[in-house]
């Protein structure tokens, strides 16, 4: 019988340095937080959405703008945004009939910092 993997959900801020900063020094909780965010980014559409949001002046956009940007329907884009939301990479705000998604800069930056090589 296959082993059931736990469902990981973590939206707490991720603040950590490069993985190579001190071997074995990455606490388990930080590793889980990083794994949750990497799992959310392990989809090409979600990477496109994050890239699109990074290019926006306020790091935010409405689902009505995001759907055409990736060439998918709004319900499909909403599903992908929900995954990014659950991982703590974006936050949302309803403004009238529209929902705006904004990147959480600290979470996105922490993923990049964690995977940065500081040698060579």
PDB file of N, CA and C in Angstrom:
ATOM      1  N   UNK A   1       0.848  -1.172   0.000  1.00  0.00           N
ATOM      2  CA  UNK A   1       0.000   0.000   0.000  1.00  0.00           C
ATOM      3  C   UNK A   1       0.896   1.239   0.000  1.00  0.00           C
ATOM      4  N   UNK A   2       0.617   2.219  -0.888  1.00  0.00           N
ATOM      5  CA  UNK A   2       1.444   3.420  -0.928  1.00  0.00           C
ATOM      6  C   UNK A   2       1.281   4.256   0.333  1.00  0.00           C
ATOM      7  N   UNK A   3       2.350   4.893   0.698  1.00  0.00           N
ATOM      8  CA  UNK A   3       2.343   5.755   1.872  1.00  0.00           C
ATOM      9  C   UNK A   3       1.623   7.059   1.546  1.00  0.00           C
ATOM     10  N   UNK A   4       0.715   7.477   2.422  1.00  0.00           N
ATOM     11  CA  UNK A   4      -0.007   8.727   2.242  1.00  0.00           C
ATOM     12  C   UNK A   4       0.851   9.874   2.745  1.00  0.00           C
ATOM     13  N   UNK A   5       1.044  10.857   1.889  1.00  0.00           N
ATOM     14  CA  UNK A   5       1.831  12.019   2.271  1.00  0.00           C
ATOM     15  C   UNK A   5       0.948  13.034   2.985  1.00  0.00           C
ATOM     16  N   UNK A   6       1.505  13.731   3.983  1.00  0.00           N
ATOM     17  CA  UNK A   6       0.703  14.741   4.686  1.00  0.00           C
ATOM     18  C   UNK A   6       0.430  15.936   3.784  1.00  0.00           C
ATOM     19  N   UNK A   7      -0.708  16.569   4.013  1.00  0.00           N
ATOM     20  CA  UNK A   7      -1.036  17.791   3.294  1.00  0.00           C
ATOM     21  C   UNK A   7      -0.346  18.930   4.031  1.00  0.00           C
ATOM     22  N   UNK A   8       0.518  19.624   3.333  1.00  0.00           N
ATOM     23  CA  UNK A   8       1.259  20.722   3.932  1.00  0.00           C
ATOM     24  C   UNK A   8       0.641  22.038   3.506  1.00  0.00           C
ATOM     25  N   UNK A   9       0.337  22.865   4.477  1.00  0.00           N
ATOM     26  CA  UNK A   9      -0.186  24.190   4.185  1.00  0.00           C
ATOM     27  C   UNK A   9       0.445  25.141   5.184  1.00  0.00           C
ATOM     28  N   UNK A  10       1.112  26.141   4.675  1.00  0.00           N
ATOM     29  CA  UNK A  10       1.827  27.066   5.539  1.00  0.00           C
ATOM     30  C   UNK A  10       1.841  28.432   4.879  1.00  0.00           C
ATOM     31  N   UNK A  11       1.230  29.407   5.519  1.00  0.00           N
ATOM     32  CA  UNK A  11       1.217  30.757   4.962  1.00  0.00           C
ATOM     33  C   UNK A  11       2.037  31.714   5.823  1.00  0.00           C
ATOM     34  N   UNK A  12       2.728  31.170   6.835  1.00  0.00           N
ATOM     35  CA  UNK A  12       3.566  32.030   7.680  1.00  0.00           C
ATOM     36  C   UNK A  12       4.701  32.606   6.855  1.00  0.00           C
ATOM     37  N   UNK A  13       5.163  33.792   7.223  1.00  0.00           N
ATOM     38  CA  UNK A  13       6.286  34.386   6.478  1.00  0.00           C
ATOM     39  C   UNK A  13       7.499  33.465   6.503  1.00  0.00           C
ATOM     40  N   UNK A  14       8.154  33.377   5.369  1.00  0.00           N
ATOM     41  CA  UNK A  14       9.341  32.542   5.233  1.00  0.00           C
ATOM     42  C   UNK A  14      10.541  33.469   5.225  1.00  0.00           C
ATOM     43  N   UNK A  15      11.352  33.385   6.248  1.00  0.00           N
ATOM     44  CA  UNK A  15      12.533  34.239   6.353  1.00  0.00           C
ATOM     45  C   UNK A  15      13.730  33.345   6.626  1.00  0.00           C
ATOM     46  N   UNK A  16      14.483  33.096   5.596  1.00  0.00           N
ATOM     47  CA  UNK A  16      15.666  32.277   5.785  1.00  0.00           C
ATOM     48  C   UNK A  16      16.721  32.672   4.774  1.00  0.00           C
ATOM     49  N   UNK A  17      17.930  32.301   5.058  1.00  0.00           N
ATOM     50  CA  UNK A  17      19.046  32.619   4.186  1.00  0.00           C
ATOM     51  C   UNK A  17      19.319  31.480   3.229  1.00  0.00           C
ATOM     52  N   UNK A  18      20.433  31.547   2.528  1.00  0.00           N
ATOM     53  CA  UNK A  18      20.781  30.499   1.564  1.00  0.00           C
ATOM     54  C   UNK A  18      20.900  29.130   2.230  1.00  0.00           C
ATOM     55  N   UNK A  19      20.540  28.095   1.497  1.00  0.00           N
ATOM     56  CA  UNK A  19      20.631  26.739   2.028  1.00  0.00           C
ATOM     57  C   UNK A  19      22.060  26.369   2.380  1.00  0.00           C
ATOM     58  N   UNK A  20      23.019  26.929   1.683  1.00  0.00           N
ATOM     59  CA  UNK A  20      24.413  26.569   1.937  1.00  0.00           C
ATOM     60  C   UNK A  20      25.067  27.419   3.030  1.00  0.00           C
ATOM     61  N   UNK A  21      24.286  28.272   3.698  1.00  0.00           N
ATOM     62  CA  UNK A  21      24.861  29.154   4.706  1.00  0.00           C
ATOM     63  C   UNK A  21      25.486  28.367   5.853  1.00  0.00           C
ATOM     64  N   UNK A  22      24.810  27.358   6.317  1.00  0.00           N
ATOM     65  CA  UNK A  22      25.328  26.501   7.383  1.00  0.00           C
ATOM     66  C   UNK A  22      24.729  25.117   7.193  1.00  0.00           C
ATOM     67  N   UNK A  23      25.519  24.164   6.715  1.00  0.00           N
ATOM     68  CA  UNK A  23      24.987  22.828   6.437  1.00  0.00           C
ATOM     69  C   UNK A  23      24.232  22.249   7.627  1.00  0.00           C
ATOM     70  N   UNK A  24      23.048  21.752   7.343  1.00  0.00           N
ATOM     71  CA  UNK A  24      22.239  21.125   8.375  1.00  0.00           C
ATOM     72  C   UNK A  24      21.551  22.109   9.299  1.00  0.00           C
ATOM     73  N   UNK A  25      21.669  23.412   9.046  1.00  0.00           N
ATOM     74  CA  UNK A  25      21.106  24.407   9.952  1.00  0.00           C
ATOM     75  C   UNK A  25      19.681  24.808   9.601  1.00  0.00           C
ATOM     76  N   UNK A  26      19.133  24.288   8.514  1.00  0.00           N
ATOM     77  CA  UNK A  26      17.773  24.653   8.127  1.00  0.00           C
ATOM     78  C   UNK A  26      16.778  23.886   9.009  1.00  0.00           C
ATOM     79  N   UNK A  27      16.067  24.592   9.877  1.00  0.00           N
ATOM     80  CA  UNK A  27      15.108  23.907  10.757  1.00  0.00           C
ATOM     81  C   UNK A  27      13.996  23.238   9.945  1.00  0.00           C
ATOM     82  N   UNK A  28      13.431  22.177  10.507  1.00  0.00           N
ATOM     83  CA  UNK A  28      12.394  21.412   9.819  1.00  0.00           C
ATOM     84  C   UNK A  28      11.223  22.306   9.443  1.00  0.00           C
ATOM     85  N   UNK A  29      10.795  23.182  10.342  1.00  0.00           N
ATOM     86  CA  UNK A  29       9.654  24.053  10.077  1.00  0.00           C
ATOM     87  C   UNK A  29       9.928  24.966   8.884  1.00  0.00           C
ATOM     88  N   UNK A  30      11.150  25.451   8.783  1.00  0.00           N
ATOM     89  CA  UNK A  30      11.526  26.303   7.662  1.00  0.00           C
ATOM     90  C   UNK A  30      11.557  25.486   6.377  1.00  0.00           C
ATOM     91  N   UNK A  31      12.035  24.260   6.462  1.00  0.00           N
ATOM     92  CA  UNK A  31      12.064  23.379   5.293  1.00  0.00           C
ATOM     93  C   UNK A  31      10.649  23.092   4.802  1.00  0.00           C
ATOM     94  N   UNK A  32       9.708  22.895   5.728  1.00  0.00           N
ATOM     95  CA  UNK A  32       8.306  22.665   5.350  1.00  0.00           C
ATOM     96  C   UNK A  32       7.749  23.906   4.671  1.00  0.00           C
ATOM     97  N   UNK A  33       8.007  25.080   5.241  1.00  0.00           N
ATOM     98  CA  UNK A  33       7.510  26.332   4.656  1.00  0.00           C
ATOM     99  C   UNK A  33       8.067  26.523   3.245  1.00  0.00           C
ATOM    100  N   UNK A  34       9.344  26.224   3.052  1.00  0.00           N
ATOM    101  CA  UNK A  34       9.955  26.334   1.735  1.00  0.00           C
ATOM    102  C   UNK A  34       9.365  25.314   0.770  1.00  0.00           C
ATOM    103  N   UNK A  35       9.175  24.092   1.239  1.00  0.00           N
ATOM    104  CA  UNK A  35       8.613  23.031   0.384  1.00  0.00           C
ATOM    105  C   UNK A  35       7.199  23.373  -0.076  1.00  0.00           C
ATOM    106  N   UNK A  36       6.405  23.974   0.800  1.00  0.00           N
ATOM    107  CA  UNK A  36       5.035  24.373   0.443  1.00  0.00           C
ATOM    108  C   UNK A  36       5.072  25.395  -0.691  1.00  0.00           C
ATOM    109  N   UNK A  37       5.963  26.351  -0.579  1.00  0.00           N
ATOM    110  CA  UNK A  37       6.049  27.388  -1.618  1.00  0.00           C
ATOM    111  C   UNK A  37       6.607  26.845  -2.925  1.00  0.00           C
ATOM    112  N   UNK A  38       7.603  25.986  -2.829  1.00  0.00           N
ATOM    113  CA  UNK A  38       8.155  25.386  -4.050  1.00  0.00           C
ATOM    114  C   UNK A  38       7.124  24.497  -4.739  1.00  0.00           C
ATOM    115  N   UNK A  39       6.334  23.783  -3.949  1.00  0.00           N
ATOM    116  CA  UNK A  39       5.282  22.938  -4.528  1.00  0.00           C
ATOM    117  C   UNK A  39       4.270  23.797  -5.274  1.00  0.00           C
ATOM    118  N   UNK A  40       3.923  24.935  -4.695  1.00  0.00           N
ATOM    119  CA  UNK A  40       2.973  25.833  -5.361  1.00  0.00           C
ATOM    120  C   UNK A  40       3.550  26.380  -6.655  1.00  0.00           C
ATOM    121  N   UNK A  41       4.857  26.571  -6.698  1.00  0.00           N
ATOM    122  CA  UNK A  41       5.507  27.116  -7.892  1.00  0.00           C
ATOM    123  C   UNK A  41       5.879  26.035  -8.904  1.00  0.00           C
ATOM    124  N   UNK A  42       5.589  24.793  -8.593  1.00  0.00           N
ATOM    125  CA  UNK A  42       5.961  23.692  -9.479  1.00  0.00           C
ATOM    126  C   UNK A  42       4.936  23.474 -10.588  1.00  0.00           C
ATOM    127  N   UNK A  43       4.395  24.544 -11.094  1.00  0.00           N
ATOM    128  CA  UNK A  43       3.440  24.488 -12.194  1.00  0.00           C
ATOM    129  C   UNK A  43       3.736  25.659 -13.121  1.00  0.00           C
ATOM    130  N   UNK A  44       3.862  25.412 -14.407  1.00  0.00           N
ATOM    131  CA  UNK A  44       4.219  26.493 -15.334  1.00  0.00           C
ATOM    132  C   UNK A  44       3.257  27.678 -15.316  1.00  0.00           C
ATOM    133  N   UNK A  45       1.966  27.412 -15.168  1.00  0.00           N
ATOM    134  CA  UNK A  45       0.986  28.505 -15.147  1.00  0.00           C
ATOM    135  C   UNK A  45       1.199  29.378 -13.920  1.00  0.00           C
ATOM    136  N   UNK A  46       1.489  28.760 -12.776  1.00  0.00           N
ATOM    137  CA  UNK A  46       1.704  29.534 -11.551  1.00  0.00           C
ATOM    138  C   UNK A  46       2.984  30.357 -11.644  1.00  0.00           C
ATOM    139  N   UNK A  47       3.996  29.815 -12.292  1.00  0.00           N
ATOM    140  CA  UNK A  47       5.218  30.578 -12.510  1.00  0.00           C
ATOM    141  C   UNK A  47       4.912  31.768 -13.415  1.00  0.00           C
ATOM    142  N   UNK A  48       4.084  31.549 -14.442  1.00  0.00           N
ATOM    143  CA  UNK A  48       3.685  32.655 -15.325  1.00  0.00           C
ATOM    144  C   UNK A  48       2.922  33.727 -14.547  1.00  0.00           C
ATOM    145  N   UNK A  49       2.027  33.303 -13.671  1.00  0.00           N
ATOM    146  CA  UNK A  49       1.244  34.259 -12.882  1.00  0.00           C
ATOM    147  C   UNK A  49       2.143  35.084 -11.966  1.00  0.00           C
ATOM    148  N   UNK A  50       3.084  34.432 -11.304  1.00  0.00           N
ATOM    149  CA  UNK A  50       4.011  35.155 -10.430  1.00  0.00           C
ATOM    150  C   UNK A  50       4.858  36.112 -11.252  1.00  0.00           C
ATOM    151  N   UNK A  51       5.320  35.666 -12.402  1.00  0.00           N
ATOM    152  CA  UNK A  51       6.115  36.517 -13.285  1.00  0.00           C
ATOM    153  C   UNK A  51       5.316  37.741 -13.719  1.00  0.00           C
ATOM    154  N   UNK A  52       4.051  37.531 -14.077  1.00  0.00           N
ATOM    155  CA  UNK A  52       3.191  38.636 -14.497  1.00  0.00           C
ATOM    156  C   UNK A  52       3.014  39.638 -13.351  1.00  0.00           C
ATOM    157  N   UNK A  53       2.756  39.110 -12.147  1.00  0.00           N
ATOM    158  CA  UNK A  53       2.571  39.996 -10.988  1.00  0.00           C
ATOM    159  C   UNK A  53       3.854  40.749 -10.653  1.00  0.00           C
ATOM    160  N   UNK A  54       4.994  40.107 -10.822  1.00  0.00           N
ATOM    161  CA  UNK A  54       6.270  40.770 -10.559  1.00  0.00           C
ATOM    162  C   UNK A  54       6.494  41.952 -11.498  1.00  0.00           C
ATOM    163  N   UNK A  55       5.935  41.878 -12.686  1.00  0.00           N
ATOM    164  CA  UNK A  55       6.114  42.939 -13.681  1.00  0.00           C
ATOM    165  C   UNK A  55       5.134  44.092 -13.500  1.00  0.00           C
ATOM    166  N   UNK A  56       4.148  43.917 -12.653  1.00  0.00           N
ATOM    167  CA  UNK A  56       3.151  44.969 -12.425  1.00  0.00           C
ATOM    168  C   UNK A  56       3.688  45.996 -11.429  1.00  0.00           C
ATOM    169  N   UNK A  57       3.337  47.276 -11.602  1.00  0.00           N
ATOM    170  CA  UNK A  57       3.851  48.324 -10.708  1.00  0.00           C
ATOM    171  C   UNK A  57       3.575  48.080  -9.217  1.00  0.00           C
ATOM    172  N   UNK A  58       2.377  47.678  -8.863  1.00  0.00           N
ATOM    173  CA  UNK A  58       2.043  47.450  -7.456  1.00  0.00           C
ATOM    174  C   UNK A  58       2.098  45.969  -7.090  1.00  0.00           C
ATOM    175  N   UNK A  59       2.698  45.146  -7.949  1.00  0.00           N
ATOM    176  CA  UNK A  59       2.785  43.695  -7.757  1.00  0.00           C
ATOM    177  C   UNK A  59       1.411  43.059  -7.625  1.00  0.00           C
ATOM    178  N   UNK A  60       0.406  43.649  -8.278  1.00  0.00           N
ATOM    179  CA  UNK A  60      -0.949  43.124  -8.170  1.00  0.00           C
ATOM    180  C   UNK A  60      -1.671  43.223  -9.501  1.00  0.00           C
ATOM    181  N   UNK A  61      -2.711  42.392  -9.626  1.00  0.00           N
ATOM    182  CA  UNK A  61      -3.554  42.423 -10.817  1.00  0.00           C
ATOM    183  C   UNK A  61      -4.879  41.750 -10.494  1.00  0.00           C
ATOM    184  N   UNK A  62      -5.867  42.086 -11.293  1.00  0.00           N
ATOM    185  CA  UNK A  62      -7.202  41.507 -11.186  1.00  0.00           C
ATOM    186  C   UNK A  62      -7.230  40.187 -11.955  1.00  0.00           C
ATOM    187  N   UNK A  63      -8.080  39.269 -11.527  1.00  0.00           N
ATOM    188  CA  UNK A  63      -8.207  38.004 -12.260  1.00  0.00           C
ATOM    189  C   UNK A  63      -8.627  38.260 -13.700  1.00  0.00           C
ATOM    190  N   UNK A  64      -9.358  39.356 -13.922  1.00  0.00           N
ATOM    191  CA  UNK A  64      -9.786  39.674 -15.288  1.00  0.00           C
ATOM    192  C   UNK A  64      -8.597  40.048 -16.180  1.00  0.00           C
ATOM    193  N   UNK A  65      -7.484  40.479 -15.586  1.00  0.00           N
ATOM    194  CA  UNK A  65      -6.263  40.757 -16.343  1.00  0.00           C
ATOM    195  C   UNK A  65      -5.345  39.537 -16.408  1.00  0.00           C
ATOM    196  N   UNK A  66      -5.367  38.739 -15.358  1.00  0.00           N
ATOM    197  CA  UNK A  66      -4.472  37.583 -15.291  1.00  0.00           C
ATOM    198  C   UNK A  66      -4.885  36.472 -16.261  1.00  0.00           C
ATOM    199  N   UNK A  67      -6.182  36.260 -16.411  1.00  0.00           N
ATOM    200  CA  UNK A  67      -6.655  35.181 -17.287  1.00  0.00           C
ATOM    201  C   UNK A  67      -6.181  35.370 -18.728  1.00  0.00           C
ATOM    202  N   UNK A  68      -6.377  36.545 -19.337  1.00  0.00           N
ATOM    203  CA  UNK A  68      -5.878  36.719 -20.701  1.00  0.00           C
ATOM    204  C   UNK A  68      -4.350  36.667 -20.791  1.00  0.00           C
ATOM    205  N   UNK A  69      -3.686  37.075 -19.726  1.00  0.00           N
ATOM    206  CA  UNK A  69      -2.213  37.092 -19.744  1.00  0.00           C
ATOM    207  C   UNK A  69      -1.629  35.691 -19.884  1.00  0.00           C
ATOM    208  N   UNK A  70      -2.325  34.697 -19.343  1.00  0.00           N
ATOM    209  CA  UNK A  70      -1.827  33.313 -19.440  1.00  0.00           C
ATOM    210  C   UNK A  70      -2.651  32.472 -20.411  1.00  0.00           C
ATOM    211  N   UNK A  71      -3.674  33.078 -21.008  1.00  0.00           N
ATOM    212  CA  UNK A  71      -4.473  32.379 -22.013  1.00  0.00           C
ATOM    213  C   UNK A  71      -5.378  31.295 -21.470  1.00  0.00           C
ATOM    214  N   UNK A  72      -5.877  31.491 -20.256  1.00  0.00           N
ATOM    215  CA  UNK A  72      -6.767  30.510 -19.637  1.00  0.00           C
ATOM    216  C   UNK A  72      -8.040  31.208 -19.150  1.00  0.00           C
ATOM    217  N   UNK A  73      -9.037  30.406 -18.809  1.00  0.00           N
ATOM    218  CA  UNK A  73     -10.288  30.967 -18.304  1.00  0.00           C
ATOM    219  C   UNK A  73     -10.098  31.489 -16.877  1.00  0.00           C
ATOM    220  N   UNK A  74     -10.972  32.403 -16.469  1.00  0.00           N
ATOM    221  CA  UNK A  74     -10.883  32.955 -15.111  1.00  0.00           C
ATOM    222  C   UNK A  74     -11.038  31.887 -14.032  1.00  0.00           C
ATOM    223  N   UNK A  75     -11.952  30.907 -14.180  1.00  0.00           N
ATOM    224  CA  UNK A  75     -12.036  29.866 -13.151  1.00  0.00           C
ATOM    225  C   UNK A  75     -10.742  29.062 -13.020  1.00  0.00           C
ATOM    226  N   UNK A  76     -10.089  28.777 -14.146  1.00  0.00           N
ATOM    227  CA  UNK A  76      -8.833  28.028 -14.094  1.00  0.00           C
ATOM    228  C   UNK A  76      -7.743  28.853 -13.423  1.00  0.00           C
ATOM    229  N   UNK A  77      -7.671  30.125 -13.768  1.00  0.00           N
ATOM    230  CA  UNK A  77      -6.683  31.016 -13.164  1.00  0.00           C
ATOM    231  C   UNK A  77      -6.971  31.161 -11.671  1.00  0.00           C
ATOM    232  N   UNK A  78      -8.236  31.238 -11.299  1.00  0.00           N
ATOM    233  CA  UNK A  78      -8.603  31.336  -9.883  1.00  0.00           C
ATOM    234  C   UNK A  78      -8.128  30.112  -9.105  1.00  0.00           C
ATOM    235  N   UNK A  79      -8.214  28.948  -9.724  1.00  0.00           N
ATOM    236  CA  UNK A  79      -7.720  27.722  -9.084  1.00  0.00           C
ATOM    237  C   UNK A  79      -6.217  27.840  -8.818  1.00  0.00           C
ATOM    238  N   UNK A  80      -5.465  28.283  -9.802  1.00  0.00           N
ATOM    239  CA  UNK A  80      -4.020  28.417  -9.637  1.00  0.00           C
ATOM    240  C   UNK A  80      -3.684  29.481  -8.597  1.00  0.00           C
ATOM    241  N   UNK A  81      -4.432  30.573  -8.599  1.00  0.00           N
ATOM    242  CA  UNK A  81      -4.206  31.622  -7.610  1.00  0.00           C
ATOM    243  C   UNK A  81      -4.521  31.143  -6.202  1.00  0.00           C
ATOM    244  N   UNK A  82      -5.500  30.265  -6.081  1.00  0.00           N
ATOM    245  CA  UNK A  82      -5.830  29.692  -4.769  1.00  0.00           C
ATOM    246  C   UNK A  82      -4.648  28.895  -4.233  1.00  0.00           C
ATOM    247  N   UNK A  83      -3.957  28.175  -5.114  1.00  0.00           N
ATOM    248  CA  UNK A  83      -2.787  27.408  -4.692  1.00  0.00           C
ATOM    249  C   UNK A  83      -1.675  28.347  -4.215  1.00  0.00           C
ATOM    250  N   UNK A  84      -1.477  29.435  -4.927  1.00  0.00           N
ATOM    251  CA  UNK A  84      -0.466  30.416  -4.533  1.00  0.00           C
ATOM    252  C   UNK A  84      -0.860  31.117  -3.228  1.00  0.00           C
ATOM    253  N   UNK A  85      -2.164  31.335  -3.051  1.00  0.00           N
ATOM    254  CA  UNK A  85      -2.676  31.952  -1.832  1.00  0.00           C
ATOM    255  C   UNK A  85      -2.438  31.042  -0.635  1.00  0.00           C
ATOM    256  N   UNK A  86      -2.754  29.759  -0.784  1.00  0.00           N
ATOM    257  CA  UNK A  86      -2.571  28.800   0.306  1.00  0.00           C
ATOM    258  C   UNK A  86      -1.100  28.637   0.680  1.00  0.00           C
ATOM    259  N   UNK A  87      -0.217  28.888  -0.262  1.00  0.00           N
ATOM    260  CA  UNK A  87       1.218  28.784   0.000  1.00  0.00           C
ATOM    261  C   UNK A  87       1.790  30.074   0.567  1.00  0.00           C
ATOM    262  N   UNK A  88       0.970  31.111   0.662  1.00  0.00           N
ATOM    263  CA  UNK A  88       1.431  32.368   1.228  1.00  0.00           C
ATOM    264  C   UNK A  88       2.229  33.230   0.264  1.00  0.00           C
ATOM    265  N   UNK A  89       2.154  32.927  -1.027  1.00  0.00           N
ATOM    266  CA  UNK A  89       2.898  33.700  -2.019  1.00  0.00           C
ATOM    267  C   UNK A  89       2.118  34.908  -2.527  1.00  0.00           C
ATOM    268  N   UNK A  90       0.792  34.862  -2.427  1.00  0.00           N
ATOM    269  CA  UNK A  90      -0.049  35.991  -2.814  1.00  0.00           C
ATOM    270  C   UNK A  90      -1.101  36.215  -1.734  1.00  0.00           C
ATOM    271  N   UNK A  91      -1.683  37.400  -1.767  1.00  0.00           N
ATOM    272  CA  UNK A  91      -2.844  37.698  -0.932  1.00  0.00           C
ATOM    273  C   UNK A  91      -3.897  38.309  -1.842  1.00  0.00           C
ATOM    274  N   UNK A  92      -5.153  38.257  -1.418  1.00  0.00           N
ATOM    275  CA  UNK A  92      -6.205  38.768  -2.294  1.00  0.00           C
ATOM    276  C   UNK A  92      -7.042  39.804  -1.579  1.00  0.00           C
ATOM    277  N   UNK A  93      -7.676  40.644  -2.416  1.00  0.00           N
ATOM    278  CA  UNK A  93      -8.552  41.700  -1.912  1.00  0.00           C
ATOM    279  C   UNK A  93      -9.677  41.894  -2.913  1.00  0.00           C
ATOM    280  N   UNK A  94     -10.894  41.863  -2.413  1.00  0.00           N
ATOM    281  CA  UNK A  94     -12.051  42.106  -3.272  1.00  0.00           C
ATOM    282  C   UNK A  94     -12.304  43.603  -3.341  1.00  0.00           C
ATOM    283  N   UNK A  95     -12.439  44.082  -4.572  1.00  0.00           N
ATOM    284  CA  UNK A  95     -12.776  45.486  -4.810  1.00  0.00           C
ATOM    285  C   UNK A  95     -13.967  45.510  -5.744  1.00  0.00           C
ATOM    286  N   UNK A  96     -15.127  45.723  -5.174  1.00  0.00           N
ATOM    287  CA  UNK A  96     -16.356  45.668  -5.958  1.00  0.00           C
ATOM    288  C   UNK A  96     -16.583  44.249  -6.453  1.00  0.00           C
ATOM    289  N   UNK A  97     -16.756  44.110  -7.760  1.00  0.00           N
ATOM    290  CA  UNK A  97     -16.999  42.788  -8.349  1.00  0.00           C
ATOM    291  C   UNK A  97     -15.702  42.069  -8.704  1.00  0.00           C
ATOM    292  N   UNK A  98     -14.552  42.744  -8.558  1.00  0.00           N
ATOM    293  CA  UNK A  98     -13.273  42.159  -8.956  1.00  0.00           C
ATOM    294  C   UNK A  98     -12.458  41.714  -7.753  1.00  0.00           C
ATOM    295  N   UNK A  99     -11.635  40.697  -7.987  1.00  0.00           N
ATOM    296  CA  UNK A  99     -10.703  40.231  -6.965  1.00  0.00           C
ATOM    297  C   UNK A  99      -9.293  40.514  -7.473  1.00  0.00           C
ATOM    298  N   UNK A 100      -8.523  41.218  -6.639  1.00  0.00           N
ATOM    299  CA  UNK A 100      -7.146  41.545  -6.982  1.00  0.00           C
ATOM    300  C   UNK A 100      -6.212  40.664  -6.172  1.00  0.00           C
ATOM    301  N   UNK A 101      -5.187  40.143  -6.835  1.00  0.00           N
ATOM    302  CA  UNK A 101      -4.166  39.337  -6.177  1.00  0.00           C
ATOM    303  C   UNK A 101      -2.870  40.119  -6.174  1.00  0.00           C
ATOM    304  N   UNK A 102      -2.213  40.103  -5.017  1.00  0.00           N
ATOM    305  CA  UNK A 102      -0.958  40.838  -4.851  1.00  0.00           C
ATOM    306  C   UNK A 102       0.090  39.873  -4.308  1.00  0.00           C
ATOM    307  N   UNK A 103       1.298  39.943  -4.855  1.00  0.00           N
ATOM    308  CA  UNK A 103       2.392  39.124  -4.354  1.00  0.00           C
ATOM    309  C   UNK A 103       2.743  39.536  -2.935  1.00  0.00           C
ATOM    310  N   UNK A 104       3.189  38.574  -2.145  1.00  0.00           N
ATOM    311  CA  UNK A 104       3.728  38.857  -0.818  1.00  0.00           C
ATOM    312  C   UNK A 104       5.240  38.909  -1.004  1.00  0.00           C
ATOM    313  N   UNK A 105       5.796  40.116  -1.093  1.00  0.00           N
ATOM    314  CA  UNK A 105       7.211  40.255  -1.441  1.00  0.00           C
ATOM    315  C   UNK A 105       8.163  39.458  -0.553  1.00  0.00           C
ATOM    316  N   UNK A 106       7.919  39.432   0.763  1.00  0.00           N
ATOM    317  CA  UNK A 106       8.811  38.701   1.664  1.00  0.00           C
ATOM    318  C   UNK A 106       8.841  37.209   1.355  1.00  0.00           C
ATOM    319  N   UNK A 107       7.684  36.630   1.043  1.00  0.00           N
ATOM    320  CA  UNK A 107       7.631  35.194   0.738  1.00  0.00           C
ATOM    321  C   UNK A 107       8.336  34.864  -0.570  1.00  0.00           C
ATOM    322  N   UNK A 108       8.102  35.678  -1.586  1.00  0.00           N
ATOM    323  CA  UNK A 108       8.725  35.436  -2.890  1.00  0.00           C
ATOM    324  C   UNK A 108      10.235  35.635  -2.786  1.00  0.00           C
ATOM    325  N   UNK A 109      10.655  36.698  -2.113  1.00  0.00           N
ATOM    326  CA  UNK A 109      12.082  36.966  -1.944  1.00  0.00           C
ATOM    327  C   UNK A 109      12.774  35.875  -1.137  1.00  0.00           C
ATOM    328  N   UNK A 110      12.095  35.373  -0.105  1.00  0.00           N
ATOM    329  CA  UNK A 110      12.690  34.331   0.735  1.00  0.00           C
ATOM    330  C   UNK A 110      12.964  33.061  -0.063  1.00  0.00           C
ATOM    331  N   UNK A 111      12.061  32.719  -0.984  1.00  0.00           N
ATOM    332  CA  UNK A 111      12.290  31.536  -1.831  1.00  0.00           C
ATOM    333  C   UNK A 111      13.551  31.752  -2.658  1.00  0.00           C
ATOM    334  N   UNK A 112      13.684  32.921  -3.235  1.00  0.00           N
ATOM    335  CA  UNK A 112      14.870  33.223  -4.035  1.00  0.00           C
ATOM    336  C   UNK A 112      16.141  33.225  -3.209  1.00  0.00           C
ATOM    337  N   UNK A 113      16.095  33.839  -2.029  1.00  0.00           N
ATOM    338  CA  UNK A 113      17.275  33.887  -1.157  1.00  0.00           C
ATOM    339  C   UNK A 113      17.698  32.487  -0.721  1.00  0.00           C
ATOM    340  N   UNK A 114      16.731  31.662  -0.436  1.00  0.00           N
ATOM    341  CA  UNK A 114      17.032  30.323   0.051  1.00  0.00           C
ATOM    342  C   UNK A 114      17.760  29.501  -0.994  1.00  0.00           C
ATOM    343  N   UNK A 115      17.430  29.703  -2.256  1.00  0.00           N
ATOM    344  CA  UNK A 115      18.017  28.903  -3.324  1.00  0.00           C
ATOM    345  C   UNK A 115      19.218  29.577  -3.991  1.00  0.00           C
ATOM    346  N   UNK A 116      19.677  30.688  -3.424  1.00  0.00           N
ATOM    347  CA  UNK A 116      20.800  31.405  -3.999  1.00  0.00           C
ATOM    348  C   UNK A 116      22.126  30.761  -3.586  1.00  0.00           C
ATOM    349  N   UNK A 117      22.981  30.557  -4.563  1.00  0.00           N
ATOM    350  CA  UNK A 117      24.318  30.059  -4.274  1.00  0.00           C
ATOM    351  C   UNK A 117      25.192  31.238  -3.873  1.00  0.00           C
ATOM    352  N   UNK A 118      25.941  31.080  -2.807  1.00  0.00           N
ATOM    353  CA  UNK A 118      26.792  32.176  -2.374  1.00  0.00           C
ATOM    354  C   UNK A 118      28.277  31.868  -2.600  1.00  0.00           C
ATOM    355  N   UNK A 119      28.534  30.903  -3.433  1.00  0.00           N
ATOM    356  CA  UNK A 119      29.928  30.564  -3.712  1.00  0.00           C
ATOM    357  C   UNK A 119      30.246  30.834  -5.180  1.00  0.00           C
ATOM    358  N   UNK A 120      31.448  30.641  -5.545  1.00  0.00           N
ATOM    359  CA  UNK A 120      31.927  30.725  -6.935  1.00  0.00           C
ATOM    360  C   UNK A 120      31.701  32.092  -7.524  1.00  0.00           C
TER     361      UNK A 120
END
